[in-house]
Amino acid sequence: MVLTGNDFDPKAREEHLFTVLSSNRFLKMEGIGREVPFFINPYPPAVSTDMDQIREGLKRRLENLGIRIADVNLYDLSIGILHDRGIFDQVVENEGSFDKAELLETFQGVLDPAEHLIPAITRELADGDHRVLFLSGIGEVYPYIRAHSILNNLQSAVKAIPTLLFFPGTYTQTMANGASLVLFGREDLHDDKYYRAFNILYCQGDEQ
């Protein structure tokens, strides 16, 4: 069954994702050729609360089958990095004295994907036998962190298990225009710099 990003039914979306993610085809990364095992789950931003519940439900159901999930929220991870580096309290205390450009530059440096975020994600994966990586919170960390930057840097670090990015927006792939990530469904936030992920809505399980 193909589910479009606009026709959002929580139960149908959860069942589709569960069918695909629990399949041997997905877990063994079959049918993707030489591509990296990255998948996008796009959804309308207005249903973000529903999607959080779906993600939690999926994690429980998959782990009940013995499929361990590494569930990484990029916002929570970023806050942890700011605390670990002793910057969080300083930023909060002096927020009023920063202009937007200064704050953006500060966060982009401290939360640089290659130097800080990707190593933190790989540490999350190092503590157990995970079968799938969930990435969420990309809307909360914009504009300091961009989806294409995370995926571009992650592809050299996480290849042994499939990664599913929960993306509040649209992900379209056409022969004419290639692939496009559009955060929050807003064309002014068009981010088309990543082309190698698969749209999970068009993926199938073992028996479909």
C-alpha atoms as a PDB file:
ATOM      1  CA  MET A   1       0.000   0.000   0.000  1.00  0.00           C
ATOM      2  CA  VAL A   2       1.290   3.454  -0.928  1.00  0.00           C
ATOM      3  CA  LEU A   3       0.512   6.270   1.486  1.00  0.00           C
ATOM      4  CA  THR A   4       1.056   9.845   0.395  1.00  0.00           C
ATOM      5  CA  GLY A   5       2.375  12.488   2.763  1.00  0.00           C
ATOM      6  CA  ASN A   6      -0.891  14.445   2.595  1.00  0.00           C
ATOM      7  CA  ASP A   7      -3.320  11.555   3.162  1.00  0.00           C
ATOM      8  CA  PHE A   8      -2.384  11.011   6.777  1.00  0.00           C
ATOM      9  CA  ASP A   9      -4.216   8.388   8.779  1.00  0.00           C
ATOM     10  CA  PRO A  10      -2.372   7.537  12.033  1.00  0.00           C
ATOM     11  CA  LYS A  11      -3.409   3.890  12.192  1.00  0.00           C
ATOM     12  CA  ALA A  12      -2.706   3.273   8.498  1.00  0.00           C
ATOM     13  CA  ARG A  13       0.677   4.978   8.753  1.00  0.00           C
ATOM     14  CA  GLU A  14       1.707   2.956  11.811  1.00  0.00           C
ATOM     15  CA  GLU A  15       0.632  -0.314  10.222  1.00  0.00           C
ATOM     16  CA  HIS A  16       2.468   0.465   6.999  1.00  0.00           C
ATOM     17  CA  LEU A  17       5.656   1.369   8.857  1.00  0.00           C
ATOM     18  CA  PHE A  18       5.408  -1.692  11.097  1.00  0.00           C
ATOM     19  CA  THR A  19       4.917  -3.994   8.101  1.00  0.00           C
ATOM     20  CA  VAL A  20       7.948  -2.569   6.322  1.00  0.00           C
ATOM     21  CA  LEU A  21      10.266  -2.189   9.321  1.00  0.00           C
ATOM     22  CA  SER A  22       9.604  -5.671  10.659  1.00  0.00           C
ATOM     23  CA  SER A  23      10.265  -7.319   7.286  1.00  0.00           C
ATOM     24  CA  ASN A  24      13.413  -9.245   6.480  1.00  0.00           C
ATOM     25  CA  ARG A  25      13.641  -7.259   3.264  1.00  0.00           C
ATOM     26  CA  PHE A  26      14.052  -4.023   5.238  1.00  0.00           C
ATOM     27  CA  LEU A  27      16.186  -5.380   8.069  1.00  0.00           C
ATOM     28  CA  LYS A  28      18.571  -7.108   5.663  1.00  0.00           C
ATOM     29  CA  MET A  29      18.619  -4.020   3.429  1.00  0.00           C
ATOM     30  CA  GLU A  30      17.612  -5.973   0.357  1.00  0.00           C
ATOM     31  CA  GLY A  31      16.641  -4.355  -2.926  1.00  0.00           C
ATOM     32  CA  ILE A  32      18.589  -1.116  -2.457  1.00  0.00           C
ATOM     33  CA  GLY A  33      21.610  -2.031  -4.548  1.00  0.00           C
ATOM     34  CA  ARG A  34      24.712  -0.100  -3.584  1.00  0.00           C
ATOM     35  CA  GLU A  35      22.771   2.760  -2.026  1.00  0.00           C
ATOM     36  CA  VAL A  36      23.121   3.638   1.641  1.00  0.00           C
ATOM     37  CA  PRO A  37      20.259   2.243   3.767  1.00  0.00           C
ATOM     38  CA  PHE A  38      18.618   5.593   4.519  1.00  0.00           C
ATOM     39  CA  PHE A  39      14.844   6.038   4.475  1.00  0.00           C
ATOM     40  CA  ILE A  40      12.643   9.126   4.886  1.00  0.00           C
ATOM     41  CA  ASN A  41       9.254   9.058   6.630  1.00  0.00           C
ATOM     42  CA  PRO A  42       7.652  12.376   5.558  1.00  0.00           C
ATOM     43  CA  TYR A  43       4.540  13.630   7.318  1.00  0.00           C
ATOM     44  CA  PRO A  44       2.503  16.843   7.595  1.00  0.00           C
ATOM     45  CA  PRO A  45       3.918  19.075  10.360  1.00  0.00           C
ATOM     46  CA  ALA A  46       0.422  19.506  11.827  1.00  0.00           C
ATOM     47  CA  VAL A  47       0.394  15.847  12.914  1.00  0.00           C
ATOM     48  CA  SER A  48       3.775  15.885  14.677  1.00  0.00           C
ATOM     49  CA  THR A  49       2.211  14.834  17.999  1.00  0.00           C
ATOM     50  CA  ASP A  50       0.548  11.871  16.295  1.00  0.00           C
ATOM     51  CA  MET A  51       3.842  10.923  14.680  1.00  0.00           C
ATOM     52  CA  ASP A  52       5.655  11.025  18.030  1.00  0.00           C
ATOM     53  CA  GLN A  53       3.087   8.571  19.370  1.00  0.00           C
ATOM     54  CA  ILE A  54       3.440   6.391  16.288  1.00  0.00           C
ATOM     55  CA  ARG A  55       7.215   6.331  16.670  1.00  0.00           C
ATOM     56  CA  GLU A  56       6.927   5.257  20.300  1.00  0.00           C
ATOM     57  CA  GLY A  57       4.372   2.608  19.399  1.00  0.00           C
ATOM     58  CA  LEU A  58       6.550   1.284  16.590  1.00  0.00           C
ATOM     59  CA  LYS A  59       9.533   1.047  18.883  1.00  0.00           C
ATOM     60  CA  ARG A  60       7.578  -0.978  21.435  1.00  0.00           C
ATOM     61  CA  ARG A  61       6.080  -3.309  18.827  1.00  0.00           C
ATOM     62  CA  LEU A  62       9.378  -3.906  17.049  1.00  0.00           C
ATOM     63  CA  GLU A  63      11.281  -4.491  20.256  1.00  0.00           C
ATOM     64  CA  ASN A  64       8.612  -7.001  21.302  1.00  0.00           C
ATOM     65  CA  LEU A  65       9.721  -8.920  18.203  1.00  0.00           C
ATOM     66  CA  GLY A  66      13.347  -8.710  19.306  1.00  0.00           C
ATOM     67  CA  ILE A  67      14.186  -5.866  16.874  1.00  0.00           C
ATOM     68  CA  ARG A  68      16.106  -3.377  18.972  1.00  0.00           C
ATOM     69  CA  ILE A  69      15.732   0.296  17.985  1.00  0.00           C
ATOM     70  CA  ALA A  70      18.187   3.151  18.559  1.00  0.00           C
ATOM     71  CA  ASP A  71      15.792   6.098  18.958  1.00  0.00           C
ATOM     72  CA  VAL A  72      17.726   9.367  18.639  1.00  0.00           C
ATOM     73  CA  ASN A  73      15.971  12.729  18.930  1.00  0.00           C
ATOM     74  CA  LEU A  74      18.270  15.366  17.442  1.00  0.00           C
ATOM     75  CA  TYR A  75      16.882  18.120  19.680  1.00  0.00           C
ATOM     76  CA  ASP A  76      17.511  16.142  22.876  1.00  0.00           C
ATOM     77  CA  LEU A  77      20.926  15.097  21.575  1.00  0.00           C
ATOM     78  CA  SER A  78      21.821  18.717  20.824  1.00  0.00           C
ATOM     79  CA  ILE A  79      20.758  19.898  24.286  1.00  0.00           C
ATOM     80  CA  GLY A  80      22.915  17.148  25.786  1.00  0.00           C
ATOM     81  CA  ILE A  81      25.935  18.259  23.753  1.00  0.00           C
ATOM     82  CA  LEU A  82      25.429  21.885  24.823  1.00  0.00           C
ATOM     83  CA  HIS A  83      25.312  20.780  28.474  1.00  0.00           C
ATOM     84  CA  ASP A  84      28.349  18.519  28.110  1.00  0.00           C
ATOM     85  CA  ARG A  85      30.384  21.348  26.615  1.00  0.00           C
ATOM     86  CA  GLY A  86      29.310  23.773  29.339  1.00  0.00           C
ATOM     87  CA  ILE A  87      27.582  26.102  26.896  1.00  0.00           C
ATOM     88  CA  PHE A  88      23.871  25.641  27.566  1.00  0.00           C
ATOM     89  CA  ASP A  89      23.581  27.829  30.697  1.00  0.00           C
ATOM     90  CA  GLN A  90      25.785  30.497  29.143  1.00  0.00           C
ATOM     91  CA  VAL A  91      23.604  30.682  26.040  1.00  0.00           C
ATOM     92  CA  VAL A  92      20.380  30.841  28.081  1.00  0.00           C
ATOM     93  CA  GLU A  93      21.743  33.574  30.350  1.00  0.00           C
ATOM     94  CA  ASN A  94      22.988  35.709  27.464  1.00  0.00           C
ATOM     95  CA  GLU A  95      20.336  34.948  24.865  1.00  0.00           C
ATOM     96  CA  GLY A  96      19.053  38.503  24.889  1.00  0.00           C
ATOM     97  CA  SER A  97      22.459  39.895  23.934  1.00  0.00           C
ATOM     98  CA  PHE A  98      22.872  37.646  20.880  1.00  0.00           C
ATOM     99  CA  ASP A  99      21.514  38.654  17.511  1.00  0.00           C
ATOM    100  CA  LYS A 100      20.150  35.883  15.298  1.00  0.00           C
ATOM    101  CA  ALA A 101      23.273  35.636  13.150  1.00  0.00           C
ATOM    102  CA  GLU A 102      25.541  35.259  16.193  1.00  0.00           C
ATOM    103  CA  LEU A 103      23.304  32.615  17.738  1.00  0.00           C
ATOM    104  CA  LEU A 104      23.133  30.709  14.447  1.00  0.00           C
ATOM    105  CA  GLU A 105      26.911  30.764  14.081  1.00  0.00           C
ATOM    106  CA  THR A 106      27.423  29.642  17.674  1.00  0.00           C
ATOM    107  CA  PHE A 107      25.050  26.699  17.428  1.00  0.00           C
ATOM    108  CA  GLN A 108      26.274  25.626  14.000  1.00  0.00           C
ATOM    109  CA  GLY A 109      29.823  25.492  15.357  1.00  0.00           C
ATOM    110  CA  VAL A 110      29.011  23.702  18.596  1.00  0.00           C
ATOM    111  CA  LEU A 111      26.603  21.289  16.893  1.00  0.00           C
ATOM    112  CA  ASP A 112      28.647  20.643  13.767  1.00  0.00           C
ATOM    113  CA  PRO A 113      27.437  17.268  12.403  1.00  0.00           C
ATOM    114  CA  ALA A 114      30.839  15.866  11.433  1.00  0.00           C
ATOM    115  CA  GLU A 115      32.623  16.897  14.632  1.00  0.00           C
ATOM    116  CA  HIS A 116      29.937  16.499  17.281  1.00  0.00           C
ATOM    117  CA  LEU A 117      26.535  15.113  16.233  1.00  0.00           C
ATOM    118  CA  ILE A 118      27.606  12.062  14.231  1.00  0.00           C
ATOM    119  CA  PRO A 119      30.130  10.913  16.883  1.00  0.00           C
ATOM    120  CA  ALA A 120      27.361  11.278  19.495  1.00  0.00           C
ATOM    121  CA  ILE A 121      24.993   9.162  17.360  1.00  0.00           C
ATOM    122  CA  THR A 122      27.613   6.452  16.866  1.00  0.00           C
ATOM    123  CA  ARG A 123      28.121   6.346  20.639  1.00  0.00           C
ATOM    124  CA  GLU A 124      24.379   5.774  21.027  1.00  0.00           C
ATOM    125  CA  LEU A 125      24.690   2.803  18.659  1.00  0.00           C
ATOM    126  CA  ALA A 126      27.720   1.363  20.425  1.00  0.00           C
ATOM    127  CA  ASP A 127      25.896   0.221  23.561  1.00  0.00           C
ATOM    128  CA  GLY A 128      23.894  -2.628  22.057  1.00  0.00           C
ATOM    129  CA  ASP A 129      22.825  -4.770  19.139  1.00  0.00           C
ATOM    130  CA  HIS A 130      20.528  -2.278  17.400  1.00  0.00           C
ATOM    131  CA  ARG A 131      18.785  -3.302  14.190  1.00  0.00           C
ATOM    132  CA  VAL A 132      17.318   0.072  13.135  1.00  0.00           C
ATOM    133  CA  LEU A 133      18.185   3.726  13.814  1.00  0.00           C
ATOM    134  CA  PHE A 134      15.320   6.188  14.261  1.00  0.00           C
ATOM    135  CA  LEU A 135      16.167   9.895  13.830  1.00  0.00           C
ATOM    136  CA  SER A 136      13.613  12.503  14.883  1.00  0.00           C
ATOM    137  CA  GLY A 137      13.557  16.135  16.043  1.00  0.00           C
ATOM    138  CA  ILE A 138      14.827  17.617  12.761  1.00  0.00           C
ATOM    139  CA  GLY A 139      12.131  20.292  12.815  1.00  0.00           C
ATOM    140  CA  GLU A 140      13.106  21.421  16.318  1.00  0.00           C
ATOM    141  CA  VAL A 141      16.790  21.913  15.443  1.00  0.00           C
ATOM    142  CA  TYR A 142      16.231  23.928  12.241  1.00  0.00           C
ATOM    143  CA  PRO A 143      18.030  26.105  11.118  1.00  0.00           C
ATOM    144  CA  TYR A 144      21.051  25.127  13.198  1.00  0.00           C
ATOM    145  CA  ILE A 145      21.039  21.609  11.796  1.00  0.00           C
ATOM    146  CA  ARG A 146      19.817  20.622   8.335  1.00  0.00           C
ATOM    147  CA  ALA A 147      18.542  17.208   7.298  1.00  0.00           C
ATOM    148  CA  HIS A 148      20.839  16.877   4.287  1.00  0.00           C
ATOM    149  CA  SER A 149      23.878  17.702   6.431  1.00  0.00           C
ATOM    150  CA  ILE A 150      23.018  14.973   8.937  1.00  0.00           C
ATOM    151  CA  LEU A 151      22.465  12.374   6.210  1.00  0.00           C
ATOM    152  CA  ASN A 152      25.564  13.326   4.226  1.00  0.00           C
ATOM    153  CA  ASN A 153      27.775  12.969   7.292  1.00  0.00           C
ATOM    154  CA  LEU A 154      25.977   9.907   8.650  1.00  0.00           C
ATOM    155  CA  GLN A 155      26.443   7.806   5.519  1.00  0.00           C
ATOM    156  CA  SER A 156      30.120   7.227   6.297  1.00  0.00           C
ATOM    157  CA  ALA A 157      29.385   6.210   9.902  1.00  0.00           C
ATOM    158  CA  VAL A 158      26.188   4.121   9.828  1.00  0.00           C
ATOM    159  CA  LYS A 159      25.987   1.515   7.077  1.00  0.00           C
ATOM    160  CA  ALA A 160      25.376  -1.735   8.917  1.00  0.00           C
ATOM    161  CA  ILE A 161      21.743  -1.006   9.859  1.00  0.00           C
ATOM    162  CA  PRO A 162      18.918   0.923   8.151  1.00  0.00           C
ATOM    163  CA  THR A 163      18.209   4.493   9.267  1.00  0.00           C
ATOM    164  CA  LEU A 164      14.721   6.031   9.246  1.00  0.00           C
ATOM    165  CA  LEU A 165      14.453   9.834   9.408  1.00  0.00           C
ATOM    166  CA  PHE A 166      11.110  11.188  10.645  1.00  0.00           C
ATOM    167  CA  PHE A 167      10.727  14.318   8.516  1.00  0.00           C
ATOM    168  CA  PRO A 168       8.026  16.997   9.104  1.00  0.00           C
ATOM    169  CA  GLY A 169       7.541  17.997   5.495  1.00  0.00           C
ATOM    170  CA  THR A 170       7.665  16.421   2.055  1.00  0.00           C
ATOM    171  CA  TYR A 171      10.171  14.219   0.263  1.00  0.00           C
ATOM    172  CA  THR A 172       9.559  13.859  -3.435  1.00  0.00           C
ATOM    173  CA  GLN A 173      11.523  12.047  -6.109  1.00  0.00           C
ATOM    174  CA  THR A 174      10.945  12.635  -9.821  1.00  0.00           C
ATOM    175  CA  MET A 175      12.904  11.822 -12.971  1.00  0.00           C
ATOM    176  CA  ALA A 176      12.811  15.460 -14.029  1.00  0.00           C
ATOM    177  CA  ASN A 177      13.763  17.176 -10.779  1.00  0.00           C
ATOM    178  CA  GLY A 178      15.482  14.517  -8.699  1.00  0.00           C
ATOM    179  CA  ALA A 179      14.806  14.386  -4.963  1.00  0.00           C
ATOM    180  CA  SER A 180      13.604  17.247  -2.793  1.00  0.00           C
ATOM    181  CA  LEU A 181      13.353  17.646   0.982  1.00  0.00           C
ATOM    182  CA  VAL A 182      10.971  20.471   1.862  1.00  0.00           C
ATOM    183  CA  LEU A 183      10.873  21.145   5.594  1.00  0.00           C
ATOM    184  CA  PHE A 184       7.401  21.950   7.006  1.00  0.00           C
ATOM    185  CA  GLY A 185       6.090  21.742   3.416  1.00  0.00           C
ATOM    186  CA  ARG A 186       7.293  25.315   2.808  1.00  0.00           C
ATOM    187  CA  GLU A 187       8.953  25.927  -0.544  1.00  0.00           C
ATOM    188  CA  ASP A 188      11.055  28.739   0.971  1.00  0.00           C
ATOM    189  CA  LEU A 189      12.674  26.042   3.148  1.00  0.00           C
ATOM    190  CA  HIS A 190      13.355  23.840   0.118  1.00  0.00           C
ATOM    191  CA  ASP A 191      16.390  21.643   0.833  1.00  0.00           C
ATOM    192  CA  ASP A 192      17.252  19.538  -2.211  1.00  0.00           C
ATOM    193  CA  LYS A 193      20.853  18.699  -1.430  1.00  0.00           C
ATOM    194  CA  TYR A 194      20.308  15.045  -0.535  1.00  0.00           C
ATOM    195  CA  TYR A 195      19.266  12.483  -3.111  1.00  0.00           C
ATOM    196  CA  ARG A 196      20.136   9.024  -1.835  1.00  0.00           C
ATOM    197  CA  ALA A 197      17.392   8.198   0.668  1.00  0.00           C
ATOM    198  CA  PHE A 198      14.313   6.079  -0.063  1.00  0.00           C
ATOM    199  CA  ASN A 199      10.792   7.258   0.686  1.00  0.00           C
ATOM    200  CA  ILE A 200       9.509   4.693   3.199  1.00  0.00           C
ATOM    201  CA  LEU A 201       5.927   5.291   2.041  1.00  0.00           C
ATOM    202  CA  TYR A 202       6.745   3.559  -1.238  1.00  0.00           C
ATOM    203  CA  CYS A 203       8.585   0.624   0.319  1.00  0.00           C
ATOM    204  CA  GLN A 204       7.012  -2.789   0.819  1.00  0.00           C
ATOM    205  CA  GLY A 205       7.304  -5.618   3.298  1.00  0.00           C
ATOM    206  CA  ASP A 206       8.101  -9.234   2.574  1.00  0.00           C
ATOM    207  CA  GLU A 207       4.667 -10.337   1.366  1.00  0.00           C
ATOM    208  CA  GLN A 208       3.489  -7.247  -0.538  1.00  0.00           C
END
